[in-house]
Amino acid sequence: MGSIVGAGQFWALTGRMETDMKKLILVLMLALIPGLSLAGSQEIQSVVMMAKAQGGDSCTGDLLFSWHMENTTVTSGTPAGCSAGDTTATTVSGAELSATYKSDGTYSASIPTSGDRFTFTASGGDIAKRAAGTISFDLYLSTTPATGAILVSLHDTISGKRIDVKIGSATDEIGIRYASATDTSATTTTANLTTGVWYSVVAKWDVAAGTKLSVSANSATATSTMAITQLANEIDSVAVGDSFTQTTNGYYIDNLKIYGTWQ
């Protein structure tokens, strides 16, 4: 039987919790003061890091899925993610969680060769929606990727159609493709991605809006207003990595988020 915490230990622990909470409240109050920089305070930085580590993401509102690649269970690790559906990644081929490169936490998803990926099962639009959405993630190219290499893909496996975030026909550019009855895409032309750098990638779609597609990376953005035929069925699979056996990949993905609306 475990030992029972004594009254003195209990109140000491409670006091520390109250002190940490007071510090966090103070940080939030100071952050609201115009022109005040908090960057130089080690005490404040440590409190903010503590709050982030203890908090984790919450899939409420438009956020449907968040994975920091700290564990194949998205809700485990620091920082912790969240999911409105499947929380456990299935590892395919040589995909792995690697500490070699990361944009946050300790690990990222390594996609070293063709066919390597992590997959999640979706149902009824729980973690990705066919009508509209936003995918954001951090990308690190350790080698020059293959033309058209898939980075993240949302599948309607019943019809065999999908939404892809991918490398462009030029290997230093990023594109989004909505592949349904016909393929509609948007691809950057001035992203000029290079190896050895972390980039933030944001891809969006909305079949009912005026601007149907958007993708951005490294201060470059591309859009499309061409009509899109919506996928016949809701997304039932999410793949992180190379789902269509491209070659010469060598990239890392971290801090993936999927929203159910155009953000």
C-alpha atoms as a PDB file:
ATOM      1  CA  MET A   1       0.000   0.000   0.000  1.00  0.00           C
ATOM      2  CA  GLY A   2       1.393   3.423  -0.928  1.00  0.00           C
ATOM      3  CA  SER A   3       2.291   5.978   1.704  1.00  0.00           C
ATOM      4  CA  ILE A   4      -0.185   8.690   2.581  1.00  0.00           C
ATOM      5  CA  VAL A   5       0.955  12.272   2.070  1.00  0.00           C
ATOM      6  CA  GLY A   6       1.159  14.040   5.417  1.00  0.00           C
ATOM      7  CA  ALA A   7      -0.599  17.317   6.131  1.00  0.00           C
ATOM      8  CA  GLY A   8       2.650  19.278   5.991  1.00  0.00           C
ATOM      9  CA  GLN A   9       3.578  17.789   2.602  1.00  0.00           C
ATOM     10  CA  PHE A  10       0.076  18.431   1.288  1.00  0.00           C
ATOM     11  CA  TRP A  11       0.092  22.110   2.198  1.00  0.00           C
ATOM     12  CA  ALA A  12       3.633  22.518   0.863  1.00  0.00           C
ATOM     13  CA  LEU A  13       2.560  21.014  -2.464  1.00  0.00           C
ATOM     14  CA  THR A  14      -0.555  23.171  -2.526  1.00  0.00           C
ATOM     15  CA  GLY A  15       1.562  26.238  -1.823  1.00  0.00           C
ATOM     16  CA  ARG A  16       3.872  25.466  -4.748  1.00  0.00           C
ATOM     17  CA  MET A  17       0.897  24.975  -7.068  1.00  0.00           C
ATOM     18  CA  GLU A  18      -0.566  28.296  -5.935  1.00  0.00           C
ATOM     19  CA  THR A  19       2.799  30.012  -6.478  1.00  0.00           C
ATOM     20  CA  ASP A  20       3.115  28.590 -10.012  1.00  0.00           C
ATOM     21  CA  MET A  21      -0.435  29.684 -10.819  1.00  0.00           C
ATOM     22  CA  LYS A  22       0.235  33.189  -9.495  1.00  0.00           C
ATOM     23  CA  LYS A  23       3.361  33.385 -11.664  1.00  0.00           C
ATOM     24  CA  LEU A  24       1.425  32.311 -14.729  1.00  0.00           C
ATOM     25  CA  ILE A  25      -1.312  34.849 -14.062  1.00  0.00           C
ATOM     26  CA  LEU A  26       1.337  37.548 -13.648  1.00  0.00           C
ATOM     27  CA  VAL A  27       2.907  36.616 -16.998  1.00  0.00           C
ATOM     28  CA  LEU A  28      -0.460  36.849 -18.726  1.00  0.00           C
ATOM     29  CA  MET A  29      -1.168  40.240 -17.120  1.00  0.00           C
ATOM     30  CA  LEU A  30       2.250  41.614 -18.075  1.00  0.00           C
ATOM     31  CA  ALA A  31       1.825  40.391 -21.646  1.00  0.00           C
ATOM     32  CA  LEU A  32      -1.170  42.701 -22.001  1.00  0.00           C
ATOM     33  CA  ILE A  33       0.871  45.823 -21.260  1.00  0.00           C
ATOM     34  CA  PRO A  34       1.630  47.624 -24.582  1.00  0.00           C
ATOM     35  CA  GLY A  35       5.335  47.946 -25.402  1.00  0.00           C
ATOM     36  CA  LEU A  36       6.520  45.696 -22.574  1.00  0.00           C
ATOM     37  CA  SER A  37       9.015  43.041 -23.648  1.00  0.00           C
ATOM     38  CA  LEU A  38       9.203  39.871 -21.586  1.00  0.00           C
ATOM     39  CA  ALA A  39      12.011  38.285 -23.565  1.00  0.00           C
ATOM     40  CA  GLY A  40      14.781  39.161 -21.120  1.00  0.00           C
ATOM     41  CA  SER A  41      13.309  37.529 -18.020  1.00  0.00           C
ATOM     42  CA  GLN A  42      14.527  33.975 -17.378  1.00  0.00           C
ATOM     43  CA  GLU A  43      11.918  33.620 -14.636  1.00  0.00           C
ATOM     44  CA  ILE A  44       9.098  34.515 -17.022  1.00  0.00           C
ATOM     45  CA  GLN A  45      10.487  32.264 -19.756  1.00  0.00           C
ATOM     46  CA  SER A  46      10.633  29.313 -17.366  1.00  0.00           C
ATOM     47  CA  VAL A  47       7.023  29.882 -16.283  1.00  0.00           C
ATOM     48  CA  VAL A  48       5.840  30.051 -19.892  1.00  0.00           C
ATOM     49  CA  MET A  49       7.714  26.848 -20.763  1.00  0.00           C
ATOM     50  CA  MET A  50       6.217  25.138 -17.713  1.00  0.00           C
ATOM     51  CA  ALA A  51       2.720  26.192 -18.730  1.00  0.00           C
ATOM     52  CA  LYS A  52       3.210  24.903 -22.281  1.00  0.00           C
ATOM     53  CA  ALA A  53       4.593  21.599 -21.060  1.00  0.00           C
ATOM     54  CA  GLN A  54       1.720  21.018 -18.651  1.00  0.00           C
ATOM     55  CA  GLY A  55      -1.003  22.207 -20.996  1.00  0.00           C
ATOM     56  CA  GLY A  56      -0.988  20.403 -24.341  1.00  0.00           C
ATOM     57  CA  ASP A  57      -3.400  21.069 -27.196  1.00  0.00           C
ATOM     58  CA  SER A  58      -7.170  20.856 -27.004  1.00  0.00           C
ATOM     59  CA  CYS A  59      -9.271  19.837 -30.011  1.00  0.00           C
ATOM     60  CA  THR A  60     -12.105  22.279 -29.515  1.00  0.00           C
ATOM     61  CA  GLY A  61     -13.708  24.642 -31.993  1.00  0.00           C
ATOM     62  CA  ASP A  62     -12.232  24.274 -35.489  1.00  0.00           C
ATOM     63  CA  LEU A  63      -9.118  22.323 -34.447  1.00  0.00           C
ATOM     64  CA  LEU A  64      -9.743  18.643 -35.225  1.00  0.00           C
ATOM     65  CA  PHE A  65      -6.293  17.113 -34.961  1.00  0.00           C
ATOM     66  CA  SER A  66      -2.888  18.065 -33.555  1.00  0.00           C
ATOM     67  CA  TRP A  67       0.254  15.927 -33.476  1.00  0.00           C
ATOM     68  CA  HIS A  68       3.675  17.037 -32.252  1.00  0.00           C
ATOM     69  CA  MET A  69       5.273  13.687 -33.177  1.00  0.00           C
ATOM     70  CA  GLU A  70       6.433  13.041 -29.608  1.00  0.00           C
ATOM     71  CA  ASN A  71       4.772   9.619 -29.550  1.00  0.00           C
ATOM     72  CA  THR A  72       2.712   7.490 -31.931  1.00  0.00           C
ATOM     73  CA  THR A  73      -0.135   8.266 -29.524  1.00  0.00           C
ATOM     74  CA  VAL A  74      -0.825  11.912 -30.372  1.00  0.00           C
ATOM     75  CA  THR A  75      -2.003  12.786 -26.854  1.00  0.00           C
ATOM     76  CA  SER A  76       1.241  11.578 -25.229  1.00  0.00           C
ATOM     77  CA  GLY A  77       4.524  13.419 -24.828  1.00  0.00           C
ATOM     78  CA  THR A  78       5.513  17.043 -24.357  1.00  0.00           C
ATOM     79  CA  PRO A  79       4.068  18.953 -26.013  1.00  0.00           C
ATOM     80  CA  ALA A  80       0.959  16.771 -26.230  1.00  0.00           C
ATOM     81  CA  GLY A  81      -1.455  16.876 -29.152  1.00  0.00           C
ATOM     82  CA  CYS A  82      -5.142  16.081 -29.455  1.00  0.00           C
ATOM     83  CA  SER A  83      -7.612  14.415 -31.792  1.00  0.00           C
ATOM     84  CA  ALA A  84     -11.365  14.438 -32.338  1.00  0.00           C
ATOM     85  CA  GLY A  85     -11.018  10.855 -33.576  1.00  0.00           C
ATOM     86  CA  ASP A  86      -8.147   8.399 -33.989  1.00  0.00           C
ATOM     87  CA  THR A  87      -5.257   9.072 -31.599  1.00  0.00           C
ATOM     88  CA  THR A  88      -2.815   6.314 -32.597  1.00  0.00           C
ATOM     89  CA  ALA A  89      -0.577   6.390 -35.662  1.00  0.00           C
ATOM     90  CA  THR A  90       0.036   3.260 -37.700  1.00  0.00           C
ATOM     91  CA  THR A  91       3.657   3.177 -38.843  1.00  0.00           C
ATOM     92  CA  VAL A  92       4.193   2.040 -42.436  1.00  0.00           C
ATOM     93  CA  SER A  93       7.530   0.939 -43.909  1.00  0.00           C
ATOM     94  CA  GLY A  94      10.531   2.991 -42.710  1.00  0.00           C
ATOM     95  CA  ALA A  95       8.736   5.975 -41.183  1.00  0.00           C
ATOM     96  CA  GLU A  96       9.915   6.704 -37.657  1.00  0.00           C
ATOM     97  CA  LEU A  97       9.892   9.275 -34.887  1.00  0.00           C
ATOM     98  CA  SER A  98      13.355  10.798 -34.849  1.00  0.00           C
ATOM     99  CA  ALA A  99      15.245  13.168 -32.553  1.00  0.00           C
ATOM    100  CA  THR A 100      17.678  14.117 -35.355  1.00  0.00           C
ATOM    101  CA  TYR A 101      15.695  17.216 -36.349  1.00  0.00           C
ATOM    102  CA  LYS A 102      12.640  18.759 -34.655  1.00  0.00           C
ATOM    103  CA  SER A 103      10.864  22.085 -34.569  1.00  0.00           C
ATOM    104  CA  ASP A 104       9.400  21.555 -31.088  1.00  0.00           C
ATOM    105  CA  GLY A 105       9.632  18.964 -28.342  1.00  0.00           C
ATOM    106  CA  THR A 106      12.082  16.082 -28.783  1.00  0.00           C
ATOM    107  CA  TYR A 107      10.979  14.244 -31.931  1.00  0.00           C
ATOM    108  CA  SER A 108       9.629  14.740 -35.443  1.00  0.00           C
ATOM    109  CA  ALA A 109       8.278  12.364 -38.103  1.00  0.00           C
ATOM    110  CA  SER A 110      11.102  11.128 -40.334  1.00  0.00           C
ATOM    111  CA  ILE A 111      10.173  10.092 -43.890  1.00  0.00           C
ATOM    112  CA  PRO A 112      13.455   8.767 -45.303  1.00  0.00           C
ATOM    113  CA  THR A 113      12.464   6.716 -48.362  1.00  0.00           C
ATOM    114  CA  SER A 114       9.632   5.820 -50.748  1.00  0.00           C
ATOM    115  CA  GLY A 115       6.405   4.559 -49.196  1.00  0.00           C
ATOM    116  CA  ASP A 116       7.286   5.642 -45.639  1.00  0.00           C
ATOM    117  CA  ARG A 117       4.348   7.159 -43.767  1.00  0.00           C
ATOM    118  CA  PHE A 118       2.188   7.307 -40.657  1.00  0.00           C
ATOM    119  CA  THR A 119      -1.561   6.787 -41.081  1.00  0.00           C
ATOM    120  CA  PHE A 120      -4.665   7.581 -39.039  1.00  0.00           C
ATOM    121  CA  THR A 121      -8.208   6.315 -39.552  1.00  0.00           C
ATOM    122  CA  ALA A 122     -10.857   9.010 -40.007  1.00  0.00           C
ATOM    123  CA  SER A 123     -14.634   8.707 -39.883  1.00  0.00           C
ATOM    124  CA  GLY A 124     -17.441  11.121 -40.694  1.00  0.00           C
ATOM    125  CA  GLY A 125     -15.135  14.114 -40.959  1.00  0.00           C
ATOM    126  CA  ASP A 126     -13.885  13.745 -37.391  1.00  0.00           C
ATOM    127  CA  ILE A 127     -10.218  14.651 -38.002  1.00  0.00           C
ATOM    128  CA  ALA A 128     -10.418  16.094 -41.546  1.00  0.00           C
ATOM    129  CA  LYS A 129     -13.282  17.352 -43.710  1.00  0.00           C
ATOM    130  CA  ARG A 130     -13.717  17.185 -47.480  1.00  0.00           C
ATOM    131  CA  ALA A 131     -15.648  20.477 -47.837  1.00  0.00           C
ATOM    132  CA  ALA A 132     -13.161  22.822 -46.194  1.00  0.00           C
ATOM    133  CA  GLY A 133     -10.119  22.772 -43.989  1.00  0.00           C
ATOM    134  CA  THR A 134      -6.592  23.867 -43.200  1.00  0.00           C
ATOM    135  CA  ILE A 135      -3.438  21.809 -42.721  1.00  0.00           C
ATOM    136  CA  SER A 136      -0.404  23.387 -41.084  1.00  0.00           C
ATOM    137  CA  PHE A 137       2.917  21.757 -40.273  1.00  0.00           C
ATOM    138  CA  ASP A 138       6.665  22.358 -40.058  1.00  0.00           C
ATOM    139  CA  LEU A 139       8.816  20.860 -42.822  1.00  0.00           C
ATOM    140  CA  TYR A 140      12.546  20.119 -42.878  1.00  0.00           C
ATOM    141  CA  LEU A 141      14.214  18.854 -46.057  1.00  0.00           C
ATOM    142  CA  SER A 142      17.317  16.829 -45.267  1.00  0.00           C
ATOM    143  CA  THR A 143      17.802  15.995 -48.963  1.00  0.00           C
ATOM    144  CA  THR A 144      16.275  17.344 -52.164  1.00  0.00           C
ATOM    145  CA  PRO A 145      12.872  15.604 -52.414  1.00  0.00           C
ATOM    146  CA  ALA A 146      11.380  13.950 -55.470  1.00  0.00           C
ATOM    147  CA  THR A 147       9.179  16.001 -57.792  1.00  0.00           C
ATOM    148  CA  GLY A 148       5.599  15.696 -56.541  1.00  0.00           C
ATOM    149  CA  ALA A 149       6.557  13.911 -53.304  1.00  0.00           C
ATOM    150  CA  ILE A 150       3.537  13.703 -50.995  1.00  0.00           C
ATOM    151  CA  LEU A 151       3.921  15.314 -47.558  1.00  0.00           C
ATOM    152  CA  VAL A 152       0.423  15.014 -46.047  1.00  0.00           C
ATOM    153  CA  SER A 153      -2.558  13.362 -47.740  1.00  0.00           C
ATOM    154  CA  LEU A 154      -6.268  13.112 -46.873  1.00  0.00           C
ATOM    155  CA  HIS A 155      -7.959  10.146 -48.544  1.00  0.00           C
ATOM    156  CA  ASP A 156     -11.459   9.190 -49.594  1.00  0.00           C
ATOM    157  CA  THR A 157     -10.447   5.565 -50.083  1.00  0.00           C
ATOM    158  CA  ILE A 158     -13.926   4.557 -51.294  1.00  0.00           C
ATOM    159  CA  SER A 159     -13.604   6.671 -54.435  1.00  0.00           C
ATOM    160  CA  GLY A 160      -9.805   6.546 -54.516  1.00  0.00           C
ATOM    161  CA  LYS A 161      -9.586  10.366 -54.473  1.00  0.00           C
ATOM    162  CA  ARG A 162      -7.718  12.651 -52.090  1.00  0.00           C
ATOM    163  CA  ILE A 163      -6.384  16.032 -51.008  1.00  0.00           C
ATOM    164  CA  ASP A 164      -2.573  16.263 -51.065  1.00  0.00           C
ATOM    165  CA  VAL A 165       0.006  18.700 -49.755  1.00  0.00           C
ATOM    166  CA  LYS A 166       3.035  17.979 -51.883  1.00  0.00           C
ATOM    167  CA  ILE A 167       6.330  19.090 -53.352  1.00  0.00           C
ATOM    168  CA  GLY A 168       5.812  20.925 -56.637  1.00  0.00           C
ATOM    169  CA  SER A 169       7.092  20.043 -60.088  1.00  0.00           C
ATOM    170  CA  ALA A 170      10.051  22.200 -59.069  1.00  0.00           C
ATOM    171  CA  THR A 171      11.508  20.505 -56.000  1.00  0.00           C
ATOM    172  CA  ASP A 172      11.927  23.787 -54.097  1.00  0.00           C
ATOM    173  CA  GLU A 173       8.196  24.614 -54.227  1.00  0.00           C
ATOM    174  CA  ILE A 174       5.049  23.502 -52.327  1.00  0.00           C
ATOM    175  CA  GLY A 175       1.619  22.690 -53.715  1.00  0.00           C
ATOM    176  CA  ILE A 176      -1.872  21.604 -52.712  1.00  0.00           C
ATOM    177  CA  ARG A 177      -3.928  19.329 -54.953  1.00  0.00           C
ATOM    178  CA  TYR A 178      -7.636  18.543 -54.621  1.00  0.00           C
ATOM    179  CA  ALA A 179      -7.984  15.384 -56.690  1.00  0.00           C
ATOM    180  CA  SER A 180     -11.640  14.495 -57.188  1.00  0.00           C
ATOM    181  CA  ALA A 181     -13.505  14.237 -60.507  1.00  0.00           C
ATOM    182  CA  THR A 182     -10.767  16.476 -61.888  1.00  0.00           C
ATOM    183  CA  ASP A 183      -7.502  17.664 -60.335  1.00  0.00           C
ATOM    184  CA  THR A 184      -7.357  21.251 -59.099  1.00  0.00           C
ATOM    185  CA  SER A 185      -4.112  22.566 -57.664  1.00  0.00           C
ATOM    186  CA  ALA A 186      -2.148  25.576 -56.522  1.00  0.00           C
ATOM    187  CA  THR A 187       1.657  25.632 -56.315  1.00  0.00           C
ATOM    188  CA  THR A 188       4.094  28.285 -55.133  1.00  0.00           C
ATOM    189  CA  THR A 189       6.689  29.679 -57.528  1.00  0.00           C
ATOM    190  CA  THR A 190       8.923  31.722 -55.202  1.00  0.00           C
ATOM    191  CA  ALA A 191       9.185  29.625 -52.009  1.00  0.00           C
ATOM    192  CA  ASN A 192      12.707  28.531 -52.964  1.00  0.00           C
ATOM    193  CA  LEU A 193      12.921  25.872 -50.256  1.00  0.00           C
ATOM    194  CA  THR A 194      16.385  24.613 -49.394  1.00  0.00           C
ATOM    195  CA  THR A 195      17.713  21.719 -47.355  1.00  0.00           C
ATOM    196  CA  GLY A 196      18.667  22.185 -43.731  1.00  0.00           C
ATOM    197  CA  VAL A 197      15.951  24.726 -42.819  1.00  0.00           C
ATOM    198  CA  TRP A 198      12.632  24.398 -40.985  1.00  0.00           C
ATOM    199  CA  TYR A 199       9.688  25.908 -42.896  1.00  0.00           C
ATOM    200  CA  SER A 200       6.092  26.475 -41.821  1.00  0.00           C
ATOM    201  CA  VAL A 201       3.645  25.170 -44.432  1.00  0.00           C
ATOM    202  CA  VAL A 202      -0.060  26.088 -44.524  1.00  0.00           C
ATOM    203  CA  ALA A 203      -2.498  24.574 -47.043  1.00  0.00           C
ATOM    204  CA  LYS A 204      -6.229  25.381 -47.257  1.00  0.00           C
ATOM    205  CA  TRP A 205      -9.294  24.350 -49.255  1.00  0.00           C
ATOM    206  CA  ASP A 206     -12.932  25.409 -49.403  1.00  0.00           C
ATOM    207  CA  VAL A 207     -15.018  24.030 -52.259  1.00  0.00           C
ATOM    208  CA  ALA A 208     -17.795  26.614 -51.718  1.00  0.00           C
ATOM    209  CA  ALA A 209     -15.658  29.761 -51.424  1.00  0.00           C
ATOM    210  CA  GLY A 210     -14.434  32.114 -54.116  1.00  0.00           C
ATOM    211  CA  THR A 211     -10.809  31.169 -53.499  1.00  0.00           C
ATOM    212  CA  LYS A 212     -10.827  27.361 -53.446  1.00  0.00           C
ATOM    213  CA  LEU A 213      -7.204  26.539 -52.648  1.00  0.00           C
ATOM    214  CA  SER A 214      -4.252  28.227 -50.960  1.00  0.00           C
ATOM    215  CA  VAL A 215      -0.768  27.062 -50.012  1.00  0.00           C
ATOM    216  CA  SER A 216       2.080  29.018 -48.449  1.00  0.00           C
ATOM    217  CA  ALA A 217       5.658  28.485 -47.305  1.00  0.00           C
ATOM    218  CA  ASN A 218       8.674  30.738 -46.793  1.00  0.00           C
ATOM    219  CA  SER A 219       6.643  33.934 -47.440  1.00  0.00           C
ATOM    220  CA  ALA A 220       5.347  32.621 -50.779  1.00  0.00           C
ATOM    221  CA  THR A 221       1.629  31.977 -51.375  1.00  0.00           C
ATOM    222  CA  ALA A 222      -0.287  30.440 -54.273  1.00  0.00           C
ATOM    223  CA  THR A 223      -4.077  30.302 -54.685  1.00  0.00           C
ATOM    224  CA  SER A 224      -6.662  28.910 -57.076  1.00  0.00           C
ATOM    225  CA  THR A 225     -10.226  30.010 -57.834  1.00  0.00           C
ATOM    226  CA  MET A 226     -10.994  27.132 -60.203  1.00  0.00           C
ATOM    227  CA  ALA A 227     -14.149  25.167 -59.420  1.00  0.00           C
ATOM    228  CA  ILE A 228     -13.717  22.002 -57.352  1.00  0.00           C
ATOM    229  CA  THR A 229     -15.916  18.913 -57.376  1.00  0.00           C
ATOM    230  CA  GLN A 230     -16.196  17.822 -53.754  1.00  0.00           C
ATOM    231  CA  LEU A 231     -14.958  14.348 -52.849  1.00  0.00           C
ATOM    232  CA  ALA A 232     -17.764  11.809 -53.090  1.00  0.00           C
ATOM    233  CA  ASN A 233     -17.256  10.633 -49.511  1.00  0.00           C
ATOM    234  CA  GLU A 234     -15.831  12.052 -46.311  1.00  0.00           C
ATOM    235  CA  ILE A 235     -12.127  11.629 -45.536  1.00  0.00           C
ATOM    236  CA  ASP A 236     -11.493   8.165 -44.064  1.00  0.00           C
ATOM    237  CA  SER A 237      -7.687   8.111 -43.890  1.00  0.00           C
ATOM    238  CA  VAL A 238      -4.980  10.658 -43.083  1.00  0.00           C
ATOM    239  CA  ALA A 239      -1.397   9.934 -44.151  1.00  0.00           C
ATOM    240  CA  VAL A 240       1.666  11.797 -42.929  1.00  0.00           C
ATOM    241  CA  GLY A 241       4.472  11.008 -45.346  1.00  0.00           C
ATOM    242  CA  ASP A 242       4.857   9.407 -48.751  1.00  0.00           C
ATOM    243  CA  SER A 243       1.603   7.585 -49.481  1.00  0.00           C
ATOM    244  CA  PHE A 244       2.265   7.077 -53.196  1.00  0.00           C
ATOM    245  CA  THR A 245       5.793   5.615 -53.268  1.00  0.00           C
ATOM    246  CA  GLN A 246       7.749   8.575 -54.570  1.00  0.00           C
ATOM    247  CA  THR A 247      11.527   8.294 -54.378  1.00  0.00           C
ATOM    248  CA  THR A 248      14.356  10.258 -52.770  1.00  0.00           C
ATOM    249  CA  ASN A 249      12.352  11.809 -49.982  1.00  0.00           C
ATOM    250  CA  GLY A 250      14.469  12.554 -46.920  1.00  0.00           C
ATOM    251  CA  TYR A 251      12.230  14.986 -45.058  1.00  0.00           C
ATOM    252  CA  TYR A 252      10.893  15.578 -41.549  1.00  0.00           C
ATOM    253  CA  ILE A 253       7.475  16.834 -40.444  1.00  0.00           C
ATOM    254  CA  ASP A 254       6.606  18.273 -37.041  1.00  0.00           C
ATOM    255  CA  ASN A 255       3.777  20.148 -35.317  1.00  0.00           C
ATOM    256  CA  LEU A 256       0.945  19.008 -37.618  1.00  0.00           C
ATOM    257  CA  LYS A 257      -2.501  20.555 -37.202  1.00  0.00           C
ATOM    258  CA  ILE A 258      -5.728  19.960 -39.133  1.00  0.00           C
ATOM    259  CA  TYR A 259      -8.687  22.350 -38.893  1.00  0.00           C
ATOM    260  CA  GLY A 260     -12.223  21.833 -40.152  1.00  0.00           C
ATOM    261  CA  THR A 261     -12.430  25.293 -41.723  1.00  0.00           C
ATOM    262  CA  TRP A 262     -10.366  27.708 -43.804  1.00  0.00           C
ATOM    263  CA  GLN A 263      -8.147  29.464 -41.221  1.00  0.00           C
END
